[in-house]
Amino acid sequence: MKKCCLSIVVAFFALSLSAQENLPFRKGYRGNVEIQTSALVGKGSYGGMVAVTTTHGYSFGDGAFVGIGTGYALDLDSQWYLPVFLEAKYNFIDRNTSPFVEVRAGMLENPERFASVSVALAGGADFGRISVKVGYEFAQALQDTESGVAIQGKSNILFCGFAFNF
């Protein structure tokens, strides 16, 4: 009896997963919540960060998405940051499992320390409502001075993220 009930439950979930609407190819509003972890890489560089972000925007119905996002990030020194970014994403296949590419451009700010501007390139796959990605981010740190904004340093960052799409 237990095997029969378990088989029915598994079959129900399998059918409901295959019957889901493919979000990247649905026209209109789309959003996500993402957990991302990153690590600085390069000569003499070390560090890392964990971020929780949310992105909201418009899906054009052909796999293309454009949105704006923000969130909360925490580094290894327990310093918090506020990320704000623009995101463009393109899914290649109109299926529940679809590879994608993504570009993000934005800034990361902490009023007590510094701000940085960055561009990130990522690739990954959507599995229904779940997205998994890995990518590379180039960041340029900026610092306020009396005469204006000065360039503080450059960072090369590798990251991975997991998102829930809605």
Protein backbone atom coordinates (compact mmCIF):
# COMPACT_ATOMS: atom_id res chain seq x y z
CA MET A 1 0.00 0.00 0.00
CA LYS A 2 2.83 2.40 0.87
CA LYS A 3 4.55 1.71 -2.46
CA CYS A 4 1.31 2.38 -4.32
CA CYS A 5 0.74 5.71 -2.54
CA LEU A 6 4.37 6.72 -3.07
CA SER A 7 4.12 5.82 -6.77
CA ILE A 8 0.99 7.97 -7.17
CA VAL A 9 2.63 10.93 -5.42
CA VAL A 10 5.79 10.63 -7.56
CA ALA A 11 3.73 10.33 -10.76
CA PHE A 12 1.66 13.40 -9.79
CA PHE A 13 4.78 15.50 -9.20
CA ALA A 14 6.41 14.28 -12.41
CA LEU A 15 3.32 15.20 -14.44
CA SER A 16 2.97 18.59 -12.75
CA LEU A 17 6.62 19.40 -13.41
CA SER A 18 6.32 18.63 -17.10
CA ALA A 19 3.07 20.61 -17.35
CA GLN A 20 4.59 23.80 -15.89
CA GLU A 21 4.51 26.89 -18.00
CA ASN A 22 7.98 27.80 -19.28
CA LEU A 23 8.68 31.13 -17.55
CA PRO A 24 11.43 32.48 -19.89
CA PHE A 25 9.06 32.24 -22.85
CA ARG A 26 6.04 33.75 -21.09
CA LYS A 27 5.51 37.41 -21.97
CA GLY A 28 5.16 39.90 -19.13
CA TYR A 29 6.42 40.42 -15.58
CA ARG A 30 9.06 38.07 -14.19
CA GLY A 31 11.07 38.09 -10.99
CA ASN A 32 13.43 35.99 -8.91
CA VAL A 33 15.11 35.68 -5.54
CA GLU A 34 18.74 34.55 -5.64
CA ILE A 35 21.43 33.41 -3.22
CA GLN A 36 24.92 34.02 -4.58
CA THR A 37 28.38 33.33 -3.24
CA SER A 38 31.56 34.81 -4.69
CA ALA A 39 35.34 34.69 -4.27
CA LEU A 40 38.03 37.19 -5.25
CA VAL A 41 40.69 35.68 -7.49
CA GLY A 42 44.02 36.97 -8.72
CA LYS A 43 47.52 37.83 -7.57
CA GLY A 44 47.47 39.02 -3.95
CA SER A 45 43.67 39.03 -3.80
CA TYR A 46 41.53 37.10 -1.39
CA GLY A 47 38.08 37.43 0.06
CA GLY A 48 34.54 36.42 -0.51
CA MET A 49 30.96 37.49 -0.19
CA VAL A 50 27.47 36.05 0.18
CA ALA A 51 24.51 37.94 -1.28
CA VAL A 52 20.74 37.63 -1.37
CA THR A 53 19.25 39.57 -4.27
CA THR A 54 15.93 40.01 -6.00
CA THR A 55 15.41 40.97 -9.64
CA HIS A 56 12.19 42.20 -11.23
CA GLY A 57 11.59 43.01 -14.87
CA TYR A 58 9.96 42.20 -18.18
CA SER A 59 10.14 39.00 -20.23
CA PHE A 60 9.62 39.57 -23.97
CA GLY A 61 8.25 36.07 -24.60
CA ASP A 62 11.14 34.92 -26.79
CA GLY A 63 13.59 34.00 -24.02
CA ALA A 64 14.84 37.57 -23.49
CA PHE A 65 14.49 39.28 -20.09
CA VAL A 66 15.52 42.74 -18.84
CA GLY A 67 15.20 43.80 -15.21
CA ILE A 68 16.54 45.75 -12.27
CA GLY A 69 17.64 44.28 -8.98
CA THR A 70 18.83 44.97 -5.46
CA GLY A 71 19.64 43.01 -2.35
CA TYR A 72 21.92 42.59 0.63
CA ALA A 73 25.51 41.32 0.63
CA LEU A 74 27.89 40.39 3.45
CA ASP A 75 31.67 39.90 3.09
CA LEU A 76 34.18 37.89 5.17
CA ASP A 77 34.86 40.93 7.39
CA SER A 78 31.13 41.07 8.31
CA GLN A 79 30.72 44.30 6.35
CA TRP A 80 27.34 44.75 4.62
CA TYR A 81 26.83 46.10 1.12
CA LEU A 82 23.86 47.16 -0.99
CA PRO A 83 24.01 45.86 -4.58
CA VAL A 84 21.96 47.66 -7.26
CA PHE A 85 22.13 46.38 -10.85
CA LEU A 86 20.56 46.05 -14.29
CA GLU A 87 20.24 42.53 -15.66
CA ALA A 88 19.74 41.11 -19.14
CA LYS A 89 19.18 37.36 -19.58
CA TYR A 90 18.56 35.18 -22.61
CA ASN A 91 17.27 31.58 -22.53
CA PHE A 92 18.10 29.52 -25.62
CA ILE A 93 15.46 26.75 -25.56
CA ASP A 94 11.69 26.88 -25.01
CA ARG A 95 11.69 23.95 -22.54
CA ASN A 96 11.54 23.54 -18.76
CA THR A 97 15.29 22.85 -18.77
CA SER A 98 16.97 25.64 -20.71
CA PRO A 99 20.55 26.98 -20.83
CA PHE A 100 20.96 30.75 -20.55
CA VAL A 101 23.48 33.60 -20.61
CA GLU A 102 23.25 36.64 -18.39
CA VAL A 103 24.87 40.08 -18.13
CA ARG A 104 24.68 42.29 -15.04
CA ALA A 105 25.98 45.83 -14.66
CA GLY A 106 25.71 47.81 -11.48
CA MET A 107 27.24 48.95 -8.26
CA LEU A 108 27.91 47.70 -4.75
CA GLU A 109 27.91 50.29 -1.99
CA ASN A 110 28.79 50.53 1.68
CA PRO A 111 28.72 54.12 3.02
CA GLU A 112 31.40 53.34 5.63
CA ARG A 113 33.95 51.78 3.27
CA PHE A 114 33.70 52.27 -0.49
CA ALA A 115 31.60 51.74 -3.57
CA SER A 116 32.38 49.69 -6.65
CA VAL A 117 31.02 49.44 -10.16
CA SER A 118 30.97 46.09 -11.90
CA VAL A 119 30.06 44.07 -14.96
CA ALA A 120 29.29 40.36 -14.60
CA LEU A 121 28.91 37.64 -17.23
CA ALA A 122 27.27 34.34 -16.31
CA GLY A 123 26.03 31.14 -17.85
CA GLY A 124 23.75 28.53 -16.42
CA ALA A 125 20.53 26.62 -16.75
CA ASP A 126 16.92 26.98 -15.68
CA PHE A 127 15.29 23.83 -14.29
CA GLY A 128 11.63 24.82 -14.11
CA ARG A 129 11.49 27.55 -11.48
CA ILE A 130 15.07 26.98 -10.26
CA SER A 131 18.13 28.60 -11.87
CA VAL A 132 21.78 27.61 -11.36
CA LYS A 133 24.61 29.75 -12.71
CA VAL A 134 28.36 30.39 -12.57
CA GLY A 135 30.12 33.48 -13.78
CA TYR A 136 32.88 36.07 -13.76
CA GLU A 137 32.62 39.63 -12.49
CA PHE A 138 35.02 42.52 -13.06
CA ALA A 139 34.71 45.20 -10.37
CA GLN A 140 36.35 48.63 -10.07
CA ALA A 141 36.43 50.01 -6.50
CA LEU A 142 35.86 53.73 -6.05
CA GLN A 143 36.53 55.98 -3.06
CA ASP A 144 35.35 59.52 -2.31
CA THR A 145 38.09 62.12 -1.89
CA GLU A 146 38.03 65.87 -1.40
CA SER A 147 38.75 66.43 -5.08
CA GLY A 148 36.21 63.87 -6.33
CA VAL A 149 36.04 60.13 -6.83
CA ALA A 150 39.32 58.17 -7.00
CA ILE A 151 39.89 54.66 -8.32
CA GLN A 152 40.89 52.41 -5.43
CA GLY A 153 41.49 49.04 -7.07
CA LYS A 154 40.28 46.31 -9.42
CA SER A 155 38.85 42.92 -8.54
CA ASN A 156 38.33 39.72 -10.48
CA ILE A 157 35.51 37.72 -8.94
CA LEU A 158 34.18 34.21 -9.60
CA PHE A 159 30.66 33.47 -8.41
CA CYS A 160 27.87 30.92 -8.39
CA GLY A 161 24.20 31.50 -7.74
CA PHE A 162 20.95 29.67 -7.13
CA ALA A 163 17.62 31.40 -7.81
CA PHE A 164 13.91 30.77 -7.46
CA ASN A 165 11.99 32.27 -10.40
CA PHE A 166 8.42 33.53 -10.23
